[in-house]
C-alpha atoms as a PDB file:
ATOM      1  CA  UNK A   1       0.000   0.000   0.000  1.00  0.00           C
ATOM      2  CA  UNK A   2       1.274   3.487  -0.822  1.00  0.00           C
ATOM      3  CA  UNK A   3       0.188   6.837   0.560  1.00  0.00           C
ATOM      4  CA  UNK A   4       1.660  10.221   1.514  1.00  0.00           C
ATOM      5  CA  UNK A   5       0.613   9.244   5.064  1.00  0.00           C
ATOM      6  CA  UNK A   6       3.755   7.098   5.335  1.00  0.00           C
ATOM      7  CA  UNK A   7       5.786  10.312   5.477  1.00  0.00           C
ATOM      8  CA  UNK A   8       4.513  10.685   9.038  1.00  0.00           C
ATOM      9  CA  UNK A   9       6.460   7.739  10.428  1.00  0.00           C
ATOM     10  CA  UNK A  10       7.726   7.562  14.001  1.00  0.00           C
ATOM     11  CA  UNK A  11      10.468  10.186  14.411  1.00  0.00           C
ATOM     12  CA  UNK A  12      13.475   8.517  15.988  1.00  0.00           C
ATOM     13  CA  UNK A  13      15.197  10.466  18.760  1.00  0.00           C
ATOM     14  CA  UNK A  14      17.739   9.818  21.506  1.00  0.00           C
ATOM     15  CA  UNK A  15      16.010  12.335  23.782  1.00  0.00           C
ATOM     16  CA  UNK A  16      13.626  11.139  26.437  1.00  0.00           C
ATOM     17  CA  UNK A  17      11.107  13.856  25.555  1.00  0.00           C
ATOM     18  CA  UNK A  18      10.767  14.831  21.902  1.00  0.00           C
ATOM     19  CA  UNK A  19       8.055  16.045  19.559  1.00  0.00           C
ATOM     20  CA  UNK A  20       6.680  13.703  16.942  1.00  0.00           C
ATOM     21  CA  UNK A  21       5.147  16.864  15.527  1.00  0.00           C
ATOM     22  CA  UNK A  22       3.855  20.145  16.942  1.00  0.00           C
ATOM     23  CA  UNK A  23       0.792  18.438  18.379  1.00  0.00           C
ATOM     24  CA  UNK A  24       2.137  15.078  19.569  1.00  0.00           C
ATOM     25  CA  UNK A  25       4.653  14.276  22.315  1.00  0.00           C
ATOM     26  CA  UNK A  26       6.994  11.289  22.110  1.00  0.00           C
ATOM     27  CA  UNK A  27       8.400   9.936  25.394  1.00  0.00           C
ATOM     28  CA  UNK A  28      10.915   7.096  25.752  1.00  0.00           C
ATOM     29  CA  UNK A  29      10.723   4.986  28.937  1.00  0.00           C
ATOM     30  CA  UNK A  30      13.650   2.831  30.039  1.00  0.00           C
ATOM     31  CA  UNK A  31      12.180   1.026  33.035  1.00  0.00           C
ATOM     32  CA  UNK A  32      13.402   3.310  35.833  1.00  0.00           C
ATOM     33  CA  UNK A  33      12.047   6.716  34.847  1.00  0.00           C
ATOM     34  CA  UNK A  34       8.269   6.885  35.332  1.00  0.00           C
ATOM     35  CA  UNK A  35       6.380   9.865  33.996  1.00  0.00           C
ATOM     36  CA  UNK A  36       3.051  11.349  35.018  1.00  0.00           C
ATOM     37  CA  UNK A  37       0.643  12.269  32.230  1.00  0.00           C
ATOM     38  CA  UNK A  38      -2.825  13.729  32.031  1.00  0.00           C
ATOM     39  CA  UNK A  39      -5.403  10.957  32.120  1.00  0.00           C
ATOM     40  CA  UNK A  40      -6.635   9.841  28.724  1.00  0.00           C
ATOM     41  CA  UNK A  41      -3.946  11.586  26.651  1.00  0.00           C
ATOM     42  CA  UNK A  42      -2.071   8.451  25.476  1.00  0.00           C
ATOM     43  CA  UNK A  43      -2.743   7.987  21.773  1.00  0.00           C
ATOM     44  CA  UNK A  44      -0.286   5.157  21.004  1.00  0.00           C
ATOM     45  CA  UNK A  45       2.637   3.229  22.481  1.00  0.00           C
ATOM     46  CA  UNK A  46       5.204   0.549  21.670  1.00  0.00           C
ATOM     47  CA  UNK A  47       6.901  -1.866  24.052  1.00  0.00           C
ATOM     48  CA  UNK A  48       6.031  -3.076  27.539  1.00  0.00           C
ATOM     49  CA  UNK A  49       4.369  -0.047  29.123  1.00  0.00           C
ATOM     50  CA  UNK A  50       1.784   0.037  31.899  1.00  0.00           C
ATOM     51  CA  UNK A  51      -0.608   2.822  32.852  1.00  0.00           C
ATOM     52  CA  UNK A  52      -1.901   3.235  36.404  1.00  0.00           C
ATOM     53  CA  UNK A  53      -4.057   5.942  37.955  1.00  0.00           C
ATOM     54  CA  UNK A  54      -1.899   8.160  40.138  1.00  0.00           C
ATOM     55  CA  UNK A  55      -2.886   8.326  43.793  1.00  0.00           C
ATOM     56  CA  UNK A  56      -4.155  11.701  44.980  1.00  0.00           C
ATOM     57  CA  UNK A  57      -3.484  12.372  48.660  1.00  0.00           C
ATOM     58  CA  UNK A  58      -5.932  14.118  50.986  1.00  0.00           C
ATOM     59  CA  UNK A  59      -4.227  17.488  50.643  1.00  0.00           C
ATOM     60  CA  UNK A  60      -4.367  17.370  46.849  1.00  0.00           C
ATOM     61  CA  UNK A  61      -7.993  16.198  46.875  1.00  0.00           C
ATOM     62  CA  UNK A  62      -8.986  18.966  49.282  1.00  0.00           C
ATOM     63  CA  UNK A  63      -7.209  21.618  47.218  1.00  0.00           C
ATOM     64  CA  UNK A  64      -8.888  20.396  44.029  1.00  0.00           C
ATOM     65  CA  UNK A  65     -12.334  20.350  45.630  1.00  0.00           C
ATOM     66  CA  UNK A  66     -11.961  23.856  47.027  1.00  0.00           C
ATOM     67  CA  UNK A  67     -10.134  25.616  44.180  1.00  0.00           C
ATOM     68  CA  UNK A  68     -10.974  23.618  41.062  1.00  0.00           C
ATOM     69  CA  UNK A  69      -7.234  23.472  40.349  1.00  0.00           C
ATOM     70  CA  UNK A  70      -5.293  20.210  40.215  1.00  0.00           C
ATOM     71  CA  UNK A  71      -4.159  17.402  37.957  1.00  0.00           C
ATOM     72  CA  UNK A  72      -5.851  14.106  37.126  1.00  0.00           C
ATOM     73  CA  UNK A  73      -2.782  12.018  36.368  1.00  0.00           C
ATOM     74  CA  UNK A  74      -1.811   8.525  35.311  1.00  0.00           C
ATOM     75  CA  UNK A  75       1.594   6.976  35.952  1.00  0.00           C
ATOM     76  CA  UNK A  76       3.337   5.515  32.918  1.00  0.00           C
ATOM     77  CA  UNK A  77       6.127   3.004  33.562  1.00  0.00           C
ATOM     78  CA  UNK A  78       7.962   0.230  31.767  1.00  0.00           C
ATOM     79  CA  UNK A  79      10.125   0.105  28.669  1.00  0.00           C
ATOM     80  CA  UNK A  80       9.022   1.499  25.359  1.00  0.00           C
ATOM     81  CA  UNK A  81       7.796   4.607  23.572  1.00  0.00           C
ATOM     82  CA  UNK A  82       4.579   6.440  24.405  1.00  0.00           C
ATOM     83  CA  UNK A  83       2.844   9.111  22.345  1.00  0.00           C
ATOM     84  CA  UNK A  84       0.647  11.744  23.995  1.00  0.00           C
ATOM     85  CA  UNK A  85      -1.707  14.370  22.566  1.00  0.00           C
ATOM     86  CA  UNK A  86      -4.755  16.358  23.633  1.00  0.00           C
ATOM     87  CA  UNK A  87      -7.240  18.035  21.263  1.00  0.00           C
ATOM     88  CA  UNK A  88      -4.458  18.739  18.736  1.00  0.00           C
ATOM     89  CA  UNK A  89      -3.005  21.445  20.977  1.00  0.00           C
ATOM     90  CA  UNK A  90       0.556  22.606  20.401  1.00  0.00           C
ATOM     91  CA  UNK A  91       3.050  20.964  22.768  1.00  0.00           C
ATOM     92  CA  UNK A  92       6.180  22.483  24.311  1.00  0.00           C
ATOM     93  CA  UNK A  93       8.788  20.778  26.513  1.00  0.00           C
ATOM     94  CA  UNK A  94      10.120  22.903  29.382  1.00  0.00           C
ATOM     95  CA  UNK A  95      13.054  22.193  31.690  1.00  0.00           C
ATOM     96  CA  UNK A  96      12.053  22.973  35.265  1.00  0.00           C
ATOM     97  CA  UNK A  97      14.987  24.072  37.384  1.00  0.00           C
ATOM     98  CA  UNK A  98      15.469  25.479  40.849  1.00  0.00           C
ATOM     99  CA  UNK A  99      13.242  28.534  40.348  1.00  0.00           C
ATOM    100  CA  UNK A 100      10.189  26.413  39.537  1.00  0.00           C
ATOM    101  CA  UNK A 101       7.255  26.874  37.175  1.00  0.00           C
ATOM    102  CA  UNK A 102       3.777  28.225  37.899  1.00  0.00           C
ATOM    103  CA  UNK A 103       1.142  27.017  35.442  1.00  0.00           C
ATOM    104  CA  UNK A 104      -2.584  26.611  34.955  1.00  0.00           C
ATOM    105  CA  UNK A 105      -3.147  22.860  35.350  1.00  0.00           C
ATOM    106  CA  UNK A 106      -5.338  22.901  32.216  1.00  0.00           C
ATOM    107  CA  UNK A 107      -2.170  23.257  30.147  1.00  0.00           C
ATOM    108  CA  UNK A 108      -0.078  20.424  31.631  1.00  0.00           C
ATOM    109  CA  UNK A 109       0.226  17.329  29.424  1.00  0.00           C
ATOM    110  CA  UNK A 110       2.994  15.302  31.117  1.00  0.00           C
ATOM    111  CA  UNK A 111       5.917  15.660  33.510  1.00  0.00           C
ATOM    112  CA  UNK A 112       8.663  13.721  35.260  1.00  0.00           C
ATOM    113  CA  UNK A 113       7.446  11.848  38.327  1.00  0.00           C
ATOM    114  CA  UNK A 114      10.330  13.322  40.340  1.00  0.00           C
ATOM    115  CA  UNK A 115       8.777  16.807  40.188  1.00  0.00           C
ATOM    116  CA  UNK A 116       6.604  18.108  43.029  1.00  0.00           C
ATOM    117  CA  UNK A 117       3.358  19.981  42.384  1.00  0.00           C
ATOM    118  CA  UNK A 118       0.968  21.824  44.674  1.00  0.00           C
ATOM    119  CA  UNK A 119      -1.925  24.272  44.352  1.00  0.00           C
ATOM    120  CA  UNK A 120      -1.147  27.871  45.298  1.00  0.00           C
ATOM    121  CA  UNK A 121      -3.215  31.047  45.522  1.00  0.00           C
ATOM    122  CA  UNK A 122      -1.935  33.902  43.385  1.00  0.00           C
ATOM    123  CA  UNK A 123      -2.106  37.304  45.045  1.00  0.00           C
ATOM    124  CA  UNK A 124      -4.763  39.616  43.718  1.00  0.00           C
ATOM    125  CA  UNK A 125      -5.251  43.297  44.380  1.00  0.00           C
ATOM    126  CA  UNK A 126      -9.009  42.957  44.074  1.00  0.00           C
ATOM    127  CA  UNK A 127      -9.405  39.316  45.131  1.00  0.00           C
ATOM    128  CA  UNK A 128     -10.646  38.063  41.786  1.00  0.00           C
ATOM    129  CA  UNK A 129     -11.818  34.524  41.219  1.00  0.00           C
ATOM    130  CA  UNK A 130     -11.114  32.454  38.115  1.00  0.00           C
ATOM    131  CA  UNK A 131      -7.980  32.381  35.965  1.00  0.00           C
ATOM    132  CA  UNK A 132      -5.077  33.659  38.002  1.00  0.00           C
ATOM    133  CA  UNK A 133      -6.609  33.014  41.400  1.00  0.00           C
ATOM    134  CA  UNK A 134      -5.339  29.462  41.842  1.00  0.00           C
ATOM    135  CA  UNK A 135      -2.510  27.891  39.897  1.00  0.00           C
ATOM    136  CA  UNK A 136      -0.214  24.869  40.048  1.00  0.00           C
ATOM    137  CA  UNK A 137       3.320  25.333  41.342  1.00  0.00           C
ATOM    138  CA  UNK A 138       5.810  22.771  39.943  1.00  0.00           C
ATOM    139  CA  UNK A 139       9.199  22.532  41.630  1.00  0.00           C
ATOM    140  CA  UNK A 140      12.279  20.313  41.480  1.00  0.00           C
ATOM    141  CA  UNK A 141      14.369  19.344  38.479  1.00  0.00           C
ATOM    142  CA  UNK A 142      12.887  17.673  35.440  1.00  0.00           C
ATOM    143  CA  UNK A 143      10.803  18.206  32.318  1.00  0.00           C
ATOM    144  CA  UNK A 144       7.216  19.312  31.843  1.00  0.00           C
ATOM    145  CA  UNK A 145       5.242  19.165  28.598  1.00  0.00           C
ATOM    146  CA  UNK A 146       2.851  22.108  28.278  1.00  0.00           C
ATOM    147  CA  UNK A 147      -0.002  22.630  25.816  1.00  0.00           C
ATOM    148  CA  UNK A 148      -1.164  25.814  24.110  1.00  0.00           C
ATOM    149  CA  UNK A 149      -3.925  26.631  21.657  1.00  0.00           C
ATOM    150  CA  UNK A 150      -1.726  27.655  18.736  1.00  0.00           C
ATOM    151  CA  UNK A 151       1.848  28.939  18.684  1.00  0.00           C
ATOM    152  CA  UNK A 152       2.564  30.855  21.927  1.00  0.00           C
ATOM    153  CA  UNK A 153       4.446  34.021  22.779  1.00  0.00           C
ATOM    154  CA  UNK A 154       7.333  33.876  25.272  1.00  0.00           C
ATOM    155  CA  UNK A 155       7.830  37.207  27.008  1.00  0.00           C
ATOM    156  CA  UNK A 156      11.006  37.937  28.956  1.00  0.00           C
ATOM    157  CA  UNK A 157      10.572  39.804  32.242  1.00  0.00           C
ATOM    158  CA  UNK A 158      13.461  41.867  33.610  1.00  0.00           C
ATOM    159  CA  UNK A 159      13.755  44.231  36.593  1.00  0.00           C
ATOM    160  CA  UNK A 160      13.493  47.237  34.255  1.00  0.00           C
ATOM    161  CA  UNK A 161      10.775  45.764  31.992  1.00  0.00           C
ATOM    162  CA  UNK A 162       7.678  44.276  33.573  1.00  0.00           C
ATOM    163  CA  UNK A 163       5.019  42.489  31.525  1.00  0.00           C
ATOM    164  CA  UNK A 164       1.219  42.524  31.653  1.00  0.00           C
ATOM    165  CA  UNK A 165      -0.755  39.541  30.307  1.00  0.00           C
ATOM    166  CA  UNK A 166      -4.452  38.870  29.912  1.00  0.00           C
ATOM    167  CA  UNK A 167      -5.517  36.536  32.716  1.00  0.00           C
ATOM    168  CA  UNK A 168      -7.419  34.377  30.212  1.00  0.00           C
ATOM    169  CA  UNK A 169      -4.417  33.940  27.883  1.00  0.00           C
ATOM    170  CA  UNK A 170      -1.540  33.343  30.319  1.00  0.00           C
ATOM    171  CA  UNK A 171      -0.316  29.732  30.417  1.00  0.00           C
ATOM    172  CA  UNK A 172       2.724  29.682  32.711  1.00  0.00           C
ATOM    173  CA  UNK A 173       5.438  31.822  34.253  1.00  0.00           C
ATOM    174  CA  UNK A 174       8.615  31.636  36.345  1.00  0.00           C
ATOM    175  CA  UNK A 175       7.716  31.046  39.988  1.00  0.00           C
ATOM    176  CA  UNK A 176      10.329  33.604  41.062  1.00  0.00           C
ATOM    177  CA  UNK A 177       8.348  36.456  39.476  1.00  0.00           C
ATOM    178  CA  UNK A 178       6.230  38.785  41.585  1.00  0.00           C
ATOM    179  CA  UNK A 179       2.632  38.647  40.398  1.00  0.00           C
ATOM    180  CA  UNK A 180      -0.259  41.040  40.843  1.00  0.00           C
ATOM    181  CA  UNK A 181      -3.703  40.810  39.303  1.00  0.00           C
ATOM    182  CA  UNK A 182      -5.189  44.110  38.236  1.00  0.00           C
ATOM    183  CA  UNK A 183      -7.698  45.761  35.943  1.00  0.00           C
ATOM    184  CA  UNK A 184      -6.986  48.980  34.081  1.00  0.00           C
ATOM    185  CA  UNK A 185     -10.140  50.697  35.272  1.00  0.00           C
ATOM    186  CA  UNK A 186     -11.038  53.510  37.580  1.00  0.00           C
ATOM    187  CA  UNK A 187     -12.645  52.464  40.840  1.00  0.00           C
ATOM    188  CA  UNK A 188     -16.013  53.626  39.518  1.00  0.00           C
ATOM    189  CA  UNK A 189     -15.712  51.149  36.660  1.00  0.00           C
ATOM    190  CA  UNK A 190     -14.518  48.091  38.539  1.00  0.00           C
ATOM    191  CA  UNK A 191     -17.953  46.462  38.338  1.00  0.00           C
ATOM    192  CA  UNK A 192     -17.934  46.397  34.557  1.00  0.00           C
ATOM    193  CA  UNK A 193     -15.523  44.685  32.202  1.00  0.00           C
ATOM    194  CA  UNK A 194     -13.227  47.573  31.222  1.00  0.00           C
ATOM    195  CA  UNK A 195     -16.106  49.610  29.923  1.00  0.00           C
ATOM    196  CA  UNK A 196     -16.663  48.699  26.266  1.00  0.00           C
ATOM    197  CA  UNK A 197     -13.094  47.556  25.457  1.00  0.00           C
ATOM    198  CA  UNK A 198     -13.824  43.859  25.955  1.00  0.00           C
ATOM    199  CA  UNK A 199     -10.638  43.513  28.004  1.00  0.00           C
ATOM    200  CA  UNK A 200     -10.769  42.068  31.493  1.00  0.00           C
ATOM    201  CA  UNK A 201      -8.399  41.310  34.330  1.00  0.00           C
ATOM    202  CA  UNK A 202      -4.696  40.962  33.722  1.00  0.00           C
ATOM    203  CA  UNK A 203      -1.626  39.684  35.546  1.00  0.00           C
ATOM    204  CA  UNK A 204       1.337  41.985  36.016  1.00  0.00           C
ATOM    205  CA  UNK A 205       4.753  40.258  36.280  1.00  0.00           C
ATOM    206  CA  UNK A 206       7.828  41.850  37.850  1.00  0.00           C
ATOM    207  CA  UNK A 207      11.343  40.539  38.501  1.00  0.00           C
ATOM    208  CA  UNK A 208      13.461  38.255  36.318  1.00  0.00           C
ATOM    209  CA  UNK A 209      11.996  35.359  34.367  1.00  0.00           C
ATOM    210  CA  UNK A 210       9.491  34.635  31.617  1.00  0.00           C
ATOM    211  CA  UNK A 211       5.751  34.555  30.966  1.00  0.00           C
ATOM    212  CA  UNK A 212       4.188  32.220  28.383  1.00  0.00           C
ATOM    213  CA  UNK A 213       1.050  33.460  26.593  1.00  0.00           C
ATOM    214  CA  UNK A 214      -1.160  31.572  24.125  1.00  0.00           C
ATOM    215  CA  UNK A 215      -3.065  33.174  21.197  1.00  0.00           C
ATOM    216  CA  UNK A 216      -6.433  32.271  22.668  1.00  0.00           C
ATOM    217  CA  UNK A 217      -8.743  33.516  25.383  1.00  0.00           C
ATOM    218  CA  UNK A 218     -11.584  31.699  27.079  1.00  0.00           C
ATOM    219  CA  UNK A 219     -14.431  33.536  28.771  1.00  0.00           C
ATOM    220  CA  UNK A 220     -15.135  32.668  31.469  1.00  0.00           C
ATOM    221  CA  UNK A 221     -11.619  31.419  32.356  1.00  0.00           C
ATOM    222  CA  UNK A 222     -10.916  27.691  32.306  1.00  0.00           C
ATOM    223  CA  UNK A 223     -12.158  25.939  35.436  1.00  0.00           C
ATOM    224  CA  UNK A 224     -13.537  29.187  36.858  1.00  0.00           C
ATOM    225  CA  UNK A 225     -16.136  28.503  39.525  1.00  0.00           C
ATOM    226  CA  UNK A 226     -18.520  31.432  39.501  1.00  0.00           C
ATOM    227  CA  UNK A 227     -20.913  31.893  42.410  1.00  0.00           C
ATOM    228  CA  UNK A 228     -24.207  33.762  42.461  1.00  0.00           C
ATOM    229  CA  UNK A 229     -24.806  37.489  42.461  1.00  0.00           C
ATOM    230  CA  UNK A 230     -23.051  40.401  40.783  1.00  0.00           C
ATOM    231  CA  UNK A 231     -20.054  40.372  43.140  1.00  0.00           C
ATOM    232  CA  UNK A 232     -19.378  36.704  42.456  1.00  0.00           C
ATOM    233  CA  UNK A 233     -19.295  37.363  38.712  1.00  0.00           C
ATOM    234  CA  UNK A 234     -16.158  39.424  39.351  1.00  0.00           C
ATOM    235  CA  UNK A 235     -14.743  37.183  42.081  1.00  0.00           C
ATOM    236  CA  UNK A 236     -15.357  39.597  44.902  1.00  0.00           C
ATOM    237  CA  UNK A 237     -16.611  38.976  48.389  1.00  0.00           C
ATOM    238  CA  UNK A 238     -16.441  35.333  49.451  1.00  0.00           C
ATOM    239  CA  UNK A 239     -15.258  34.369  45.960  1.00  0.00           C
ATOM    240  CA  UNK A 240     -12.166  36.570  46.223  1.00  0.00           C
ATOM    241  CA  UNK A 241      -8.637  35.264  46.532  1.00  0.00           C
ATOM    242  CA  UNK A 242      -8.198  37.111  49.837  1.00  0.00           C
ATOM    243  CA  UNK A 243     -11.341  35.684  51.365  1.00  0.00           C
ATOM    244  CA  UNK A 244      -9.664  32.472  52.509  1.00  0.00           C
ATOM    245  CA  UNK A 245      -6.286  30.725  52.465  1.00  0.00           C
ATOM    246  CA  UNK A 246      -4.340  33.731  53.682  1.00  0.00           C
ATOM    247  CA  UNK A 247      -1.141  31.683  53.742  1.00  0.00           C
ATOM    248  CA  UNK A 248      -1.214  31.615  49.929  1.00  0.00           C
ATOM    249  CA  UNK A 249      -0.431  27.868  49.805  1.00  0.00           C
ATOM    250  CA  UNK A 250      -2.733  24.924  50.419  1.00  0.00           C
ATOM    251  CA  UNK A 251      -1.499  22.753  53.279  1.00  0.00           C
END
C-alpha cells in the first residue's frame, strides 16, 4: 500500500522527551524513569508499558475540591515509547529548574514523576476569582510538557521591563516572578468589564523570568467557579482570593 501518510512515520530520537510533531509528544521509557501524564492523553505506544491511575493524597484532593485546580494524572512506567496528545493542541517541553514553574493545570500534558506539584493562591489586588486566582506550582528538576492553543508568545521579564498579560491567555510563568492581578479601570468602573473595550483582568509580572502566553482567550476562564450574584461574577466577596487561604499555599 502506498500513501503520503507514510511520510509521518515515528520520528526517531535519543532524547527522552521529543516532539513527533507540533501536536504530539513522544516519550521514551527505560524502566526506571516513570512519567506522570494527564489521564486519557495516550494515543499510542510501543513496548512493555503500563498505565496506572496516580494516587491523589488528601491534601491534593482537598485543594482540588476547594479551588478547582489540580491534575488528574496517570503513571506511565515500563520500557518502550509512548505518544501523547490532547485536542491537537501545540506541545512544548520545558526544563524545570530550581526557580520552579507556575502554570494553569489545564495546560499540563505530562511531567517527570520526580517533580513536586501543589496548588497555590496567586495574590490579587481585588481578590478576583477564576484564571489567576489558583494555579499549580511545579518545583524540582525535570521536564514538563505544556499545551497551548496555537503557537505561543514567550515574554522575557526583567527588573526594568515588567510584563502585563491577559488573565485568560496566560499559560505559565517563572515562579520567582512577583505577580499582581489588576484591571486597568477607575474604581467607579470596577464592576464592569473595562467599559466597552472587551478587556478584562490581567496579571502583572515583575522581577526576572518569563511569561508564556497563548493566542487564545476563554471567557469565562478555564475551570472558573462562579458563584451567584453580581459580586461573584467578578470574584469579589467570598469568591475573592483574599477571602480564605491567607497563607497563599494549600497545606
